[in-house]
Amino acid sequence: MVFLGSEPTTDHVAPGPQQAGGRRRISMGHECSEFLSKGLQQHLPLQFQTRAGWLVEFVEYRKNLFEPLVAMYEAFEPKRGAQGLPPLGRDRIVAWLRPLLSESLNLVALRGDKVIGHTMLCPVPLRRGCAEFAIFVHQDFRNQGVGTEFTRVTLNYAKKDGLHQIWLTVEVNNFPAIRVYKKLGFEISDTYYPEVEMLLNFDGARQDPSKPYRVM
C-alpha cells in the first residue's frame, strides 16, 4: 500500500512483508542471499540533489546505520500510516527491522549522517528472482523528488543484481503514485480494494496468470 497524504510521489510505500493485519505475511528465506552476496557496493554510493538543493546520498545499508534508521522510524509520521507500518515504539520497530535487514536487500538515503529514507526488496517465496518493493521517506524530505529517484535507483540495482520481477501494492485511488510506477515500467496486475497490485518484469514479459506471484 502507498500512503502519500498530499505527497504526489512514491515517498511512502508500506510493504506487505511483516504487515500488521494484512491478508499476507511473507516469510523471507535464504533466496535473498543470492542477490545480497553479489555485492551492491560496487554500484554505490550515488548522490542526488533535491529540488531544495539538499544533497542526498543513496547507499547500501550497513550495520553502523542501524541506530540512525531506527531513529528515522521513531520520528516517522504518520504513525502506522499504512497497513499498521511503521510500528509504534522502539522495541517494535527494532523487532520489525531486524529480519528485514538480514533477509532483504536494503538501501538507505542519507543527508549527512542522518537516515532520511529506506527501501527494501523482500524475496517472494516460491517465485525465484521476484521481490516485493517498499519505500519510506521521512516527512521532512518529501515533495523533493527523493521518493521517485530512490525508487529508480533501487529498481536499477535490483535489475543489475539478478532480480527478474518486482512487485508492490498501492492504494487504488493514489493516481499520482500509480502514474510514477507506470512510468518506471510497472503494470497493474490485480486489484483488491482499496489496493492495486503492480508488477515490473525486467525482461518485458507480462505476468503469466497461471503462475501467480502473490502469497495469500
N, C-alpha and C. Protein backbone atom coordinates (compact mmCIF):
# COMPACT_ATOMS: atom_id res chain seq x y z
N MET A 1 0.85 -1.19 0.00
CA MET A 1 0.00 0.00 0.00
C MET A 1 0.88 1.24 0.00
N VAL A 2 0.39 2.30 -0.63
CA VAL A 2 1.08 3.59 -0.62
C VAL A 2 0.31 4.55 0.26
N PHE A 3 0.99 5.23 1.13
CA PHE A 3 0.37 6.33 1.86
C PHE A 3 1.14 7.59 1.50
N LEU A 4 0.46 8.58 0.93
CA LEU A 4 1.15 9.77 0.47
C LEU A 4 0.62 11.05 1.08
N GLY A 5 -0.59 11.04 1.60
CA GLY A 5 -1.17 12.28 2.06
C GLY A 5 -1.27 13.25 0.89
N SER A 6 -0.65 14.41 1.03
CA SER A 6 -0.64 15.38 -0.06
C SER A 6 0.55 15.20 -0.97
N GLU A 7 1.37 14.19 -0.72
CA GLU A 7 2.61 13.99 -1.45
C GLU A 7 2.37 13.19 -2.72
N PRO A 8 2.56 13.80 -3.91
CA PRO A 8 2.25 13.10 -5.16
C PRO A 8 3.42 12.32 -5.71
N THR A 9 4.18 11.63 -4.86
CA THR A 9 5.28 10.81 -5.34
C THR A 9 5.27 9.49 -4.60
N THR A 10 6.34 8.75 -4.72
CA THR A 10 6.41 7.42 -4.10
C THR A 10 7.15 7.47 -2.78
N ASP A 11 6.89 8.48 -1.96
CA ASP A 11 7.69 8.68 -0.77
C ASP A 11 7.33 7.79 0.41
N HIS A 12 6.25 7.05 0.35
CA HIS A 12 5.95 6.12 1.44
C HIS A 12 5.12 4.98 0.89
N VAL A 13 5.76 3.86 0.70
CA VAL A 13 5.06 2.66 0.29
C VAL A 13 5.25 1.64 1.39
N ALA A 14 4.18 1.25 2.03
CA ALA A 14 4.29 0.28 3.10
C ALA A 14 4.38 -1.12 2.53
N PRO A 15 5.28 -1.96 3.03
CA PRO A 15 5.49 -3.28 2.45
C PRO A 15 4.49 -4.31 2.92
N GLY A 16 4.25 -5.31 2.10
CA GLY A 16 3.46 -6.45 2.51
C GLY A 16 4.17 -7.30 3.56
N PRO A 17 5.50 -7.56 3.42
CA PRO A 17 6.19 -8.39 4.39
C PRO A 17 6.04 -7.83 5.79
N GLN A 18 5.69 -8.70 6.73
CA GLN A 18 5.55 -8.36 8.14
C GLN A 18 4.42 -7.37 8.39
N GLN A 19 3.51 -7.20 7.44
CA GLN A 19 2.45 -6.22 7.64
C GLN A 19 1.54 -6.66 8.77
N ALA A 20 0.97 -5.65 9.43
CA ALA A 20 0.10 -5.93 10.57
C ALA A 20 -1.34 -6.05 10.11
N GLY A 21 -1.92 -7.22 10.27
CA GLY A 21 -3.33 -7.38 9.99
C GLY A 21 -3.68 -7.49 8.53
N GLY A 22 -2.71 -7.56 7.65
CA GLY A 22 -2.98 -7.65 6.23
C GLY A 22 -3.31 -9.08 5.82
N ARG A 23 -3.58 -9.28 4.51
CA ARG A 23 -4.02 -10.60 4.07
C ARG A 23 -2.84 -11.55 3.82
N ARG A 24 -1.61 -11.04 3.80
CA ARG A 24 -0.49 -11.93 3.58
C ARG A 24 0.63 -11.57 4.55
N ARG A 25 1.41 -12.52 4.87
CA ARG A 25 2.58 -12.31 5.72
C ARG A 25 3.71 -13.13 5.12
N ILE A 26 4.58 -12.48 4.38
CA ILE A 26 5.63 -13.18 3.68
C ILE A 26 6.74 -13.56 4.65
N SER A 27 7.12 -14.81 4.63
CA SER A 27 8.25 -15.27 5.42
C SER A 27 9.46 -15.31 4.52
N MET A 28 10.41 -14.40 4.76
CA MET A 28 11.55 -14.28 3.88
C MET A 28 12.57 -15.36 4.17
N GLY A 29 13.13 -15.96 3.13
CA GLY A 29 14.04 -17.07 3.29
C GLY A 29 15.40 -16.82 2.72
N HIS A 30 16.12 -17.92 2.41
CA HIS A 30 17.51 -17.85 2.01
C HIS A 30 17.69 -17.35 0.59
N GLU A 31 16.60 -17.28 -0.21
CA GLU A 31 16.74 -16.87 -1.60
C GLU A 31 17.38 -15.50 -1.73
N CYS A 32 17.11 -14.62 -0.76
CA CYS A 32 17.61 -13.26 -0.84
C CYS A 32 19.13 -13.22 -0.81
N SER A 33 19.77 -14.20 -0.17
CA SER A 33 21.22 -14.19 -0.08
C SER A 33 21.88 -14.24 -1.44
N GLU A 34 21.17 -14.77 -2.44
CA GLU A 34 21.74 -14.87 -3.77
C GLU A 34 22.06 -13.50 -4.33
N PHE A 35 21.11 -12.53 -4.18
CA PHE A 35 21.44 -11.23 -4.73
C PHE A 35 22.13 -10.32 -3.73
N LEU A 36 22.04 -10.63 -2.43
CA LEU A 36 22.82 -9.86 -1.46
C LEU A 36 24.31 -10.14 -1.63
N SER A 37 24.64 -11.40 -1.91
CA SER A 37 26.03 -11.81 -1.96
C SER A 37 26.76 -11.25 -3.18
N LYS A 38 26.02 -10.72 -4.15
CA LYS A 38 26.66 -10.20 -5.36
C LYS A 38 27.29 -8.84 -5.14
N GLY A 39 26.98 -8.21 -4.01
CA GLY A 39 27.68 -7.01 -3.63
C GLY A 39 27.26 -5.75 -4.36
N LEU A 40 26.21 -5.09 -3.85
CA LEU A 40 25.75 -3.85 -4.46
C LEU A 40 26.73 -2.72 -4.24
N GLN A 41 27.66 -2.88 -3.31
CA GLN A 41 28.55 -1.78 -3.00
C GLN A 41 29.35 -1.33 -4.23
N GLN A 42 29.52 -2.22 -5.20
CA GLN A 42 30.22 -1.83 -6.41
C GLN A 42 29.49 -0.73 -7.16
N HIS A 43 28.17 -0.57 -6.93
CA HIS A 43 27.38 0.42 -7.63
C HIS A 43 27.17 1.69 -6.80
N LEU A 44 27.45 1.65 -5.53
CA LEU A 44 27.08 2.72 -4.62
C LEU A 44 28.33 3.34 -4.01
N PRO A 45 28.24 4.55 -3.44
CA PRO A 45 27.03 5.36 -3.27
C PRO A 45 26.71 6.20 -4.50
N LEU A 46 25.49 6.71 -4.53
CA LEU A 46 25.05 7.64 -5.55
C LEU A 46 24.50 8.88 -4.85
N GLN A 47 24.67 10.03 -5.48
CA GLN A 47 24.20 11.27 -4.88
C GLN A 47 23.08 11.88 -5.71
N PHE A 48 22.19 12.57 -5.03
CA PHE A 48 21.03 13.18 -5.67
C PHE A 48 20.79 14.54 -5.04
N GLN A 49 20.57 15.54 -5.87
CA GLN A 49 20.27 16.88 -5.36
C GLN A 49 18.77 17.10 -5.42
N THR A 50 18.18 17.43 -4.29
CA THR A 50 16.73 17.63 -4.21
C THR A 50 16.35 18.97 -4.83
N ARG A 51 15.05 19.19 -4.96
CA ARG A 51 14.56 20.45 -5.52
C ARG A 51 14.97 21.65 -4.67
N ALA A 52 15.16 21.42 -3.38
CA ALA A 52 15.58 22.50 -2.48
C ALA A 52 17.09 22.66 -2.45
N GLY A 53 17.80 21.82 -3.21
CA GLY A 53 19.25 21.93 -3.25
C GLY A 53 19.98 21.09 -2.22
N TRP A 54 19.23 20.26 -1.46
CA TRP A 54 19.88 19.39 -0.48
C TRP A 54 20.56 18.23 -1.19
N LEU A 55 21.69 17.82 -0.69
CA LEU A 55 22.40 16.69 -1.25
C LEU A 55 22.05 15.43 -0.47
N VAL A 56 21.50 14.45 -1.15
CA VAL A 56 21.12 13.18 -0.55
C VAL A 56 21.98 12.08 -1.17
N GLU A 57 22.44 11.17 -0.34
CA GLU A 57 23.28 10.06 -0.80
C GLU A 57 22.55 8.75 -0.61
N PHE A 58 22.50 7.92 -1.64
CA PHE A 58 21.90 6.60 -1.56
C PHE A 58 23.02 5.58 -1.38
N VAL A 59 22.92 4.79 -0.32
CA VAL A 59 23.96 3.83 0.00
C VAL A 59 23.34 2.48 0.36
N GLU A 60 24.14 1.45 0.33
CA GLU A 60 23.71 0.15 0.83
C GLU A 60 23.67 0.19 2.35
N TYR A 61 22.66 -0.43 2.93
CA TYR A 61 22.58 -0.47 4.40
C TYR A 61 23.79 -1.18 4.97
N ARG A 62 24.31 -0.64 6.06
CA ARG A 62 25.39 -1.27 6.80
C ARG A 62 25.08 -1.14 8.29
N LYS A 63 25.72 -1.97 9.09
CA LYS A 63 25.32 -2.12 10.49
C LYS A 63 25.43 -0.82 11.28
N ASN A 64 26.39 0.03 10.95
CA ASN A 64 26.52 1.26 11.73
C ASN A 64 25.39 2.25 11.47
N LEU A 65 24.51 1.92 10.50
CA LEU A 65 23.36 2.78 10.22
C LEU A 65 22.10 2.31 10.94
N PHE A 66 22.23 1.26 11.75
CA PHE A 66 21.03 0.72 12.40
C PHE A 66 20.36 1.74 13.31
N GLU A 67 21.11 2.37 14.20
CA GLU A 67 20.51 3.32 15.13
C GLU A 67 19.93 4.54 14.41
N PRO A 68 20.64 5.13 13.41
CA PRO A 68 20.00 6.22 12.66
C PRO A 68 18.73 5.78 11.94
N LEU A 69 18.70 4.54 11.47
CA LEU A 69 17.49 4.04 10.79
C LEU A 69 16.34 3.90 11.78
N VAL A 70 16.62 3.35 12.95
CA VAL A 70 15.59 3.26 13.99
C VAL A 70 15.09 4.65 14.37
N ALA A 71 16.02 5.59 14.48
CA ALA A 71 15.64 6.96 14.83
C ALA A 71 14.70 7.56 13.79
N MET A 72 14.95 7.27 12.50
CA MET A 72 14.06 7.77 11.47
C MET A 72 12.65 7.25 11.67
N TYR A 73 12.53 5.95 11.96
CA TYR A 73 11.20 5.38 12.13
C TYR A 73 10.54 5.83 13.42
N GLU A 74 11.32 6.11 14.46
CA GLU A 74 10.72 6.63 15.70
C GLU A 74 10.09 8.00 15.46
N ALA A 75 10.70 8.80 14.57
CA ALA A 75 10.19 10.15 14.29
C ALA A 75 9.22 10.17 13.13
N PHE A 76 9.01 9.04 12.48
CA PHE A 76 8.24 8.98 11.24
C PHE A 76 6.78 9.36 11.45
N GLU A 77 6.25 10.12 10.52
CA GLU A 77 4.83 10.49 10.50
C GLU A 77 4.25 10.19 9.12
N PRO A 78 3.01 9.75 9.04
CA PRO A 78 2.08 9.50 10.15
C PRO A 78 2.37 8.16 10.81
N LYS A 79 2.07 8.06 12.07
CA LYS A 79 2.28 6.82 12.80
C LYS A 79 1.35 5.74 12.24
N ARG A 80 1.90 4.58 11.98
CA ARG A 80 1.13 3.44 11.48
C ARG A 80 0.25 3.87 10.30
N GLY A 81 0.85 4.63 9.39
CA GLY A 81 0.09 5.26 8.32
C GLY A 81 -0.48 4.32 7.30
N ALA A 82 0.12 3.15 7.09
CA ALA A 82 -0.37 2.23 6.07
C ALA A 82 -0.13 0.80 6.52
N GLN A 83 -1.20 0.02 6.57
CA GLN A 83 -1.12 -1.39 6.97
C GLN A 83 -0.45 -1.56 8.33
N GLY A 84 -0.58 -0.53 9.18
CA GLY A 84 -0.02 -0.61 10.51
C GLY A 84 1.48 -0.36 10.57
N LEU A 85 2.07 0.13 9.50
CA LEU A 85 3.50 0.36 9.46
C LEU A 85 3.80 1.85 9.26
N PRO A 86 4.96 2.31 9.75
CA PRO A 86 5.88 1.59 10.62
C PRO A 86 5.26 1.38 12.00
N PRO A 87 5.72 0.36 12.73
CA PRO A 87 5.14 0.09 14.05
C PRO A 87 5.47 1.19 15.04
N LEU A 88 4.73 1.21 16.13
CA LEU A 88 4.92 2.21 17.18
C LEU A 88 5.93 1.74 18.20
N GLY A 89 6.82 2.62 18.63
CA GLY A 89 7.73 2.34 19.72
C GLY A 89 9.01 1.67 19.28
N ARG A 90 10.10 1.99 19.96
CA ARG A 90 11.42 1.49 19.58
C ARG A 90 11.47 -0.03 19.55
N ASP A 91 10.96 -0.70 20.57
CA ASP A 91 11.06 -2.16 20.63
C ASP A 91 10.39 -2.82 19.43
N ARG A 92 9.21 -2.34 19.06
CA ARG A 92 8.50 -2.92 17.92
C ARG A 92 9.20 -2.58 16.61
N ILE A 93 9.75 -1.38 16.52
CA ILE A 93 10.49 -1.01 15.32
C ILE A 93 11.70 -1.91 15.14
N VAL A 94 12.44 -2.12 16.22
CA VAL A 94 13.62 -2.99 16.16
C VAL A 94 13.23 -4.41 15.77
N ALA A 95 12.17 -4.94 16.37
CA ALA A 95 11.72 -6.30 16.06
C ALA A 95 11.27 -6.43 14.61
N TRP A 96 10.69 -5.37 14.06
CA TRP A 96 10.26 -5.36 12.66
C TRP A 96 11.45 -5.27 11.71
N LEU A 97 12.43 -4.44 12.06
CA LEU A 97 13.56 -4.19 11.17
C LEU A 97 14.55 -5.34 11.09
N ARG A 98 14.80 -6.01 12.20
CA ARG A 98 15.91 -6.98 12.22
C ARG A 98 15.77 -8.05 11.14
N PRO A 99 14.63 -8.72 10.98
CA PRO A 99 14.54 -9.71 9.90
C PRO A 99 14.59 -9.09 8.52
N LEU A 100 14.02 -7.90 8.37
CA LEU A 100 14.08 -7.22 7.08
C LEU A 100 15.51 -6.90 6.68
N LEU A 101 16.30 -6.46 7.64
CA LEU A 101 17.68 -6.06 7.36
C LEU A 101 18.58 -7.26 7.10
N SER A 102 18.24 -8.41 7.66
CA SER A 102 19.09 -9.59 7.49
C SER A 102 18.67 -10.44 6.31
N GLU A 103 17.42 -10.33 5.86
CA GLU A 103 16.92 -11.24 4.84
C GLU A 103 16.45 -10.54 3.57
N SER A 104 16.65 -9.22 3.49
CA SER A 104 16.22 -8.46 2.33
C SER A 104 17.37 -7.60 1.84
N LEU A 105 17.19 -7.06 0.64
CA LEU A 105 18.09 -6.05 0.13
C LEU A 105 17.61 -4.71 0.65
N ASN A 106 18.50 -3.97 1.31
CA ASN A 106 18.12 -2.70 1.92
C ASN A 106 19.06 -1.59 1.49
N LEU A 107 18.50 -0.49 1.03
CA LEU A 107 19.24 0.72 0.74
C LEU A 107 18.72 1.83 1.64
N VAL A 108 19.57 2.77 1.97
CA VAL A 108 19.13 3.91 2.77
C VAL A 108 19.55 5.20 2.09
N ALA A 109 18.78 6.25 2.34
CA ALA A 109 19.09 7.58 1.86
C ALA A 109 19.60 8.40 3.03
N LEU A 110 20.72 9.08 2.82
CA LEU A 110 21.35 9.85 3.87
C LEU A 110 21.43 11.32 3.50
N ARG A 111 21.20 12.17 4.47
CA ARG A 111 21.59 13.57 4.36
C ARG A 111 22.56 13.83 5.49
N GLY A 112 23.84 13.89 5.14
CA GLY A 112 24.87 13.91 6.16
C GLY A 112 24.91 12.55 6.84
N ASP A 113 24.83 12.55 8.16
CA ASP A 113 24.81 11.28 8.90
C ASP A 113 23.41 10.88 9.34
N LYS A 114 22.40 11.55 8.80
CA LYS A 114 21.01 11.28 9.16
C LYS A 114 20.34 10.42 8.10
N VAL A 115 19.72 9.31 8.52
CA VAL A 115 18.94 8.49 7.60
C VAL A 115 17.61 9.17 7.35
N ILE A 116 17.30 9.42 6.08
CA ILE A 116 16.04 10.10 5.75
C ILE A 116 15.16 9.25 4.82
N GLY A 117 15.64 8.05 4.46
CA GLY A 117 14.84 7.18 3.61
C GLY A 117 15.34 5.75 3.66
N HIS A 118 14.46 4.82 3.31
CA HIS A 118 14.78 3.39 3.38
C HIS A 118 13.98 2.67 2.31
N THR A 119 14.66 1.89 1.48
CA THR A 119 13.97 1.00 0.55
C THR A 119 14.38 -0.43 0.85
N MET A 120 13.46 -1.35 0.54
CA MET A 120 13.74 -2.76 0.76
C MET A 120 13.14 -3.59 -0.37
N LEU A 121 13.83 -4.65 -0.70
CA LEU A 121 13.36 -5.63 -1.67
C LEU A 121 13.34 -6.98 -0.96
N CYS A 122 12.15 -7.48 -0.72
CA CYS A 122 11.96 -8.70 0.07
C CYS A 122 11.61 -9.86 -0.85
N PRO A 123 12.38 -10.94 -0.84
CA PRO A 123 12.11 -12.06 -1.74
C PRO A 123 10.74 -12.67 -1.53
N VAL A 124 10.08 -13.00 -2.62
CA VAL A 124 8.75 -13.61 -2.57
C VAL A 124 8.91 -15.13 -2.62
N PRO A 125 8.44 -15.84 -1.60
CA PRO A 125 8.58 -17.30 -1.59
C PRO A 125 7.97 -17.94 -2.83
N LEU A 126 8.63 -18.95 -3.33
CA LEU A 126 8.19 -19.75 -4.46
C LEU A 126 8.25 -19.00 -5.78
N ARG A 127 8.79 -17.79 -5.77
CA ARG A 127 8.95 -17.04 -7.01
C ARG A 127 10.41 -16.62 -7.13
N ARG A 128 11.23 -17.49 -7.65
CA ARG A 128 12.65 -17.23 -7.77
C ARG A 128 12.89 -15.97 -8.60
N GLY A 129 13.72 -15.08 -8.07
CA GLY A 129 14.04 -13.86 -8.78
C GLY A 129 13.00 -12.77 -8.66
N CYS A 130 11.98 -12.95 -7.79
CA CYS A 130 10.92 -11.96 -7.60
C CYS A 130 11.02 -11.40 -6.18
N ALA A 131 10.88 -10.09 -6.05
CA ALA A 131 10.94 -9.45 -4.75
C ALA A 131 9.84 -8.41 -4.62
N GLU A 132 9.43 -8.17 -3.38
CA GLU A 132 8.43 -7.15 -3.08
C GLU A 132 9.15 -5.86 -2.69
N PHE A 133 8.70 -4.76 -3.24
CA PHE A 133 9.34 -3.46 -3.03
C PHE A 133 8.59 -2.64 -1.99
N ALA A 134 9.35 -1.92 -1.16
CA ALA A 134 8.75 -0.98 -0.21
C ALA A 134 9.70 0.19 -0.03
N ILE A 135 9.14 1.35 0.22
CA ILE A 135 9.95 2.56 0.42
C ILE A 135 9.30 3.44 1.49
N PHE A 136 10.15 4.03 2.34
CA PHE A 136 9.72 5.02 3.32
C PHE A 136 10.66 6.21 3.22
N VAL A 137 10.10 7.41 3.21
CA VAL A 137 10.88 8.64 3.21
C VAL A 137 10.39 9.52 4.35
N HIS A 138 11.31 10.02 5.16
CA HIS A 138 10.97 10.87 6.29
C HIS A 138 10.17 12.08 5.81
N GLN A 139 9.20 12.47 6.60
CA GLN A 139 8.26 13.53 6.21
C GLN A 139 8.94 14.86 5.90
N ASP A 140 10.08 15.15 6.49
CA ASP A 140 10.76 16.42 6.25
C ASP A 140 11.42 16.49 4.88
N PHE A 141 11.47 15.35 4.18
CA PHE A 141 12.17 15.29 2.90
C PHE A 141 11.26 14.84 1.76
N ARG A 142 9.96 14.96 1.95
CA ARG A 142 9.02 14.67 0.89
C ARG A 142 8.83 15.91 0.01
N ASN A 143 8.18 15.72 -1.12
CA ASN A 143 7.97 16.79 -2.10
C ASN A 143 9.28 17.33 -2.66
N GLN A 144 10.31 16.50 -2.63
CA GLN A 144 11.63 16.91 -3.13
C GLN A 144 12.15 15.99 -4.23
N GLY A 145 11.33 15.04 -4.65
CA GLY A 145 11.76 14.10 -5.68
C GLY A 145 12.57 12.94 -5.15
N VAL A 146 12.76 12.89 -3.83
CA VAL A 146 13.58 11.82 -3.24
C VAL A 146 12.94 10.46 -3.45
N GLY A 147 11.63 10.36 -3.22
CA GLY A 147 10.96 9.07 -3.33
C GLY A 147 11.06 8.49 -4.73
N THR A 148 10.82 9.33 -5.74
CA THR A 148 10.86 8.83 -7.11
C THR A 148 12.27 8.41 -7.50
N GLU A 149 13.27 9.25 -7.17
CA GLU A 149 14.65 8.91 -7.54
C GLU A 149 15.16 7.71 -6.77
N PHE A 150 14.79 7.61 -5.50
CA PHE A 150 15.21 6.47 -4.68
C PHE A 150 14.60 5.19 -5.23
N THR A 151 13.36 5.25 -5.68
CA THR A 151 12.73 4.09 -6.30
C THR A 151 13.48 3.69 -7.56
N ARG A 152 13.80 4.67 -8.39
CA ARG A 152 14.52 4.39 -9.63
C ARG A 152 15.87 3.73 -9.36
N VAL A 153 16.60 4.27 -8.38
CA VAL A 153 17.90 3.70 -8.02
C VAL A 153 17.76 2.26 -7.54
N THR A 154 16.78 2.02 -6.68
CA THR A 154 16.59 0.68 -6.13
C THR A 154 16.23 -0.32 -7.22
N LEU A 155 15.36 0.05 -8.13
CA LEU A 155 14.99 -0.85 -9.22
C LEU A 155 16.18 -1.12 -10.13
N ASN A 156 16.99 -0.11 -10.37
CA ASN A 156 18.16 -0.27 -11.22
C ASN A 156 19.13 -1.31 -10.63
N TYR A 157 19.35 -1.23 -9.33
CA TYR A 157 20.28 -2.18 -8.71
C TYR A 157 19.68 -3.56 -8.55
N ALA A 158 18.37 -3.61 -8.39
CA ALA A 158 17.72 -4.92 -8.37
C ALA A 158 17.93 -5.64 -9.70
N LYS A 159 17.77 -4.90 -10.78
CA LYS A 159 17.95 -5.49 -12.10
C LYS A 159 19.40 -5.91 -12.32
N LYS A 160 20.34 -5.06 -11.95
CA LYS A 160 21.75 -5.37 -12.14
C LYS A 160 22.18 -6.58 -11.32
N ASP A 161 21.50 -6.82 -10.23
CA ASP A 161 21.90 -7.91 -9.35
C ASP A 161 21.04 -9.15 -9.47
N GLY A 162 20.35 -9.27 -10.60
CA GLY A 162 19.79 -10.56 -10.95
C GLY A 162 18.32 -10.78 -10.70
N LEU A 163 17.61 -9.81 -10.15
CA LEU A 163 16.17 -9.99 -9.97
C LEU A 163 15.46 -9.83 -11.31
N HIS A 164 14.35 -10.56 -11.48
CA HIS A 164 13.60 -10.54 -12.72
C HIS A 164 12.26 -9.81 -12.60
N GLN A 165 11.67 -9.84 -11.40
CA GLN A 165 10.36 -9.24 -11.20
C GLN A 165 10.35 -8.47 -9.88
N ILE A 166 9.66 -7.33 -9.89
CA ILE A 166 9.44 -6.54 -8.67
C ILE A 166 7.94 -6.31 -8.54
N TRP A 167 7.45 -6.49 -7.33
CA TRP A 167 6.02 -6.42 -7.05
C TRP A 167 5.78 -5.43 -5.92
N LEU A 168 4.64 -4.72 -5.97
CA LEU A 168 4.28 -3.79 -4.91
C LEU A 168 2.77 -3.65 -4.84
N THR A 169 2.30 -3.03 -3.77
CA THR A 169 0.89 -2.68 -3.64
C THR A 169 0.78 -1.18 -3.42
N VAL A 170 -0.30 -0.60 -3.91
CA VAL A 170 -0.54 0.84 -3.79
C VAL A 170 -2.04 1.06 -3.68
N GLU A 171 -2.44 2.11 -2.96
CA GLU A 171 -3.86 2.40 -2.81
C GLU A 171 -4.47 2.71 -4.17
N VAL A 172 -5.65 2.18 -4.40
CA VAL A 172 -6.27 2.25 -5.72
C VAL A 172 -6.55 3.68 -6.17
N ASN A 173 -6.75 4.60 -5.22
CA ASN A 173 -7.04 5.98 -5.59
C ASN A 173 -5.81 6.88 -5.55
N ASN A 174 -4.64 6.29 -5.41
CA ASN A 174 -3.40 7.07 -5.39
C ASN A 174 -2.88 7.19 -6.82
N PHE A 175 -3.56 7.98 -7.60
CA PHE A 175 -3.26 8.08 -9.03
C PHE A 175 -1.86 8.63 -9.32
N PRO A 176 -1.38 9.63 -8.55
CA PRO A 176 -0.03 10.12 -8.84
C PRO A 176 1.04 9.04 -8.69
N ALA A 177 0.94 8.24 -7.60
CA ALA A 177 1.93 7.19 -7.40
C ALA A 177 1.82 6.13 -8.48
N ILE A 178 0.60 5.78 -8.86
CA ILE A 178 0.41 4.78 -9.91
C ILE A 178 1.02 5.26 -11.22
N ARG A 179 0.85 6.57 -11.51
CA ARG A 179 1.46 7.12 -12.73
C ARG A 179 2.98 7.01 -12.68
N VAL A 180 3.57 7.30 -11.52
CA VAL A 180 5.03 7.19 -11.38
C VAL A 180 5.48 5.77 -11.64
N TYR A 181 4.79 4.81 -11.03
CA TYR A 181 5.20 3.42 -11.20
C TYR A 181 5.03 2.96 -12.64
N LYS A 182 3.98 3.42 -13.31
CA LYS A 182 3.80 3.06 -14.71
C LYS A 182 4.94 3.62 -15.55
N LYS A 183 5.38 4.84 -15.26
CA LYS A 183 6.50 5.43 -15.98
C LYS A 183 7.78 4.63 -15.77
N LEU A 184 7.88 3.99 -14.60
CA LEU A 184 9.07 3.19 -14.30
C LEU A 184 8.94 1.75 -14.82
N GLY A 185 7.82 1.43 -15.45
CA GLY A 185 7.67 0.13 -16.10
C GLY A 185 6.71 -0.84 -15.44
N PHE A 186 6.10 -0.45 -14.32
CA PHE A 186 5.15 -1.34 -13.65
C PHE A 186 3.83 -1.40 -14.41
N GLU A 187 3.15 -2.54 -14.29
CA GLU A 187 1.80 -2.72 -14.81
C GLU A 187 0.90 -3.20 -13.69
N ILE A 188 -0.36 -2.76 -13.72
CA ILE A 188 -1.33 -3.25 -12.74
C ILE A 188 -1.63 -4.71 -13.04
N SER A 189 -1.48 -5.56 -12.04
CA SER A 189 -1.68 -6.99 -12.25
C SER A 189 -2.91 -7.53 -11.54
N ASP A 190 -3.42 -6.81 -10.53
CA ASP A 190 -4.60 -7.26 -9.81
C ASP A 190 -5.11 -6.12 -8.95
N THR A 191 -6.37 -6.22 -8.52
CA THR A 191 -6.97 -5.20 -7.66
C THR A 191 -7.67 -5.89 -6.49
N TYR A 192 -7.35 -5.45 -5.28
CA TYR A 192 -8.02 -5.90 -4.07
C TYR A 192 -8.35 -4.64 -3.28
N TYR A 193 -9.51 -4.07 -3.58
CA TYR A 193 -9.88 -2.78 -2.99
C TYR A 193 -9.64 -2.78 -1.49
N PRO A 194 -8.95 -1.75 -0.93
CA PRO A 194 -8.59 -0.49 -1.58
C PRO A 194 -7.17 -0.47 -2.18
N GLU A 195 -6.63 -1.61 -2.56
CA GLU A 195 -5.28 -1.66 -3.10
C GLU A 195 -5.28 -2.22 -4.52
N VAL A 196 -4.27 -1.82 -5.27
CA VAL A 196 -3.96 -2.50 -6.52
C VAL A 196 -2.56 -3.07 -6.37
N GLU A 197 -2.33 -4.18 -7.05
CA GLU A 197 -1.01 -4.79 -7.08
C GLU A 197 -0.38 -4.47 -8.43
N MET A 198 0.91 -4.16 -8.41
CA MET A 198 1.62 -3.81 -9.63
C MET A 198 2.87 -4.66 -9.75
N LEU A 199 3.21 -4.99 -10.99
CA LEU A 199 4.33 -5.88 -11.25
C LEU A 199 5.22 -5.28 -12.32
N LEU A 200 6.51 -5.37 -12.10
CA LEU A 200 7.51 -4.96 -13.08
C LEU A 200 8.33 -6.18 -13.48
N ASN A 201 8.30 -6.52 -14.77
CA ASN A 201 9.14 -7.58 -15.31
C ASN A 201 10.30 -6.92 -16.04
N PHE A 202 11.52 -7.16 -15.59
CA PHE A 202 12.66 -6.52 -16.22
C PHE A 202 12.91 -7.02 -17.64
N ASP A 203 12.43 -8.23 -17.95
CA ASP A 203 12.61 -8.75 -19.30
C ASP A 203 11.50 -8.32 -20.25
N GLY A 204 10.54 -7.55 -19.72
CA GLY A 204 9.46 -7.03 -20.55
C GLY A 204 8.29 -7.98 -20.71
N ALA A 205 8.39 -9.19 -20.18
CA ALA A 205 7.30 -10.16 -20.32
C ALA A 205 6.17 -9.81 -19.36
N ARG A 206 4.95 -10.10 -19.77
CA ARG A 206 3.80 -9.90 -18.90
C ARG A 206 3.66 -11.08 -17.94
N GLN A 207 3.00 -10.81 -16.81
CA GLN A 207 2.78 -11.85 -15.82
C GLN A 207 1.92 -12.97 -16.38
N ASP A 208 2.37 -14.20 -16.20
CA ASP A 208 1.60 -15.36 -16.62
C ASP A 208 0.56 -15.66 -15.55
N PRO A 209 -0.74 -15.52 -15.85
CA PRO A 209 -1.77 -15.72 -14.81
C PRO A 209 -1.79 -17.14 -14.26
N SER A 210 -1.19 -18.09 -14.95
CA SER A 210 -1.16 -19.47 -14.45
C SER A 210 -0.06 -19.66 -13.42
N LYS A 211 0.77 -18.63 -13.24
CA LYS A 211 1.87 -18.71 -12.29
C LYS A 211 1.82 -17.50 -11.36
N PRO A 212 0.87 -17.50 -10.43
CA PRO A 212 0.69 -16.33 -9.57
C PRO A 212 1.92 -16.10 -8.68
N TYR A 213 2.24 -14.83 -8.45
CA TYR A 213 3.37 -14.49 -7.60
C TYR A 213 2.90 -14.13 -6.20
N ARG A 214 1.57 -13.91 -6.03
CA ARG A 214 1.07 -13.50 -4.73
C ARG A 214 1.12 -14.63 -3.72
N VAL A 215 1.37 -14.26 -2.48
CA VAL A 215 1.33 -15.21 -1.37
C VAL A 215 0.16 -14.83 -0.49
N MET A 216 -0.85 -15.67 -0.43
CA MET A 216 -2.06 -15.32 0.31
C MET A 216 -1.90 -15.69 1.78
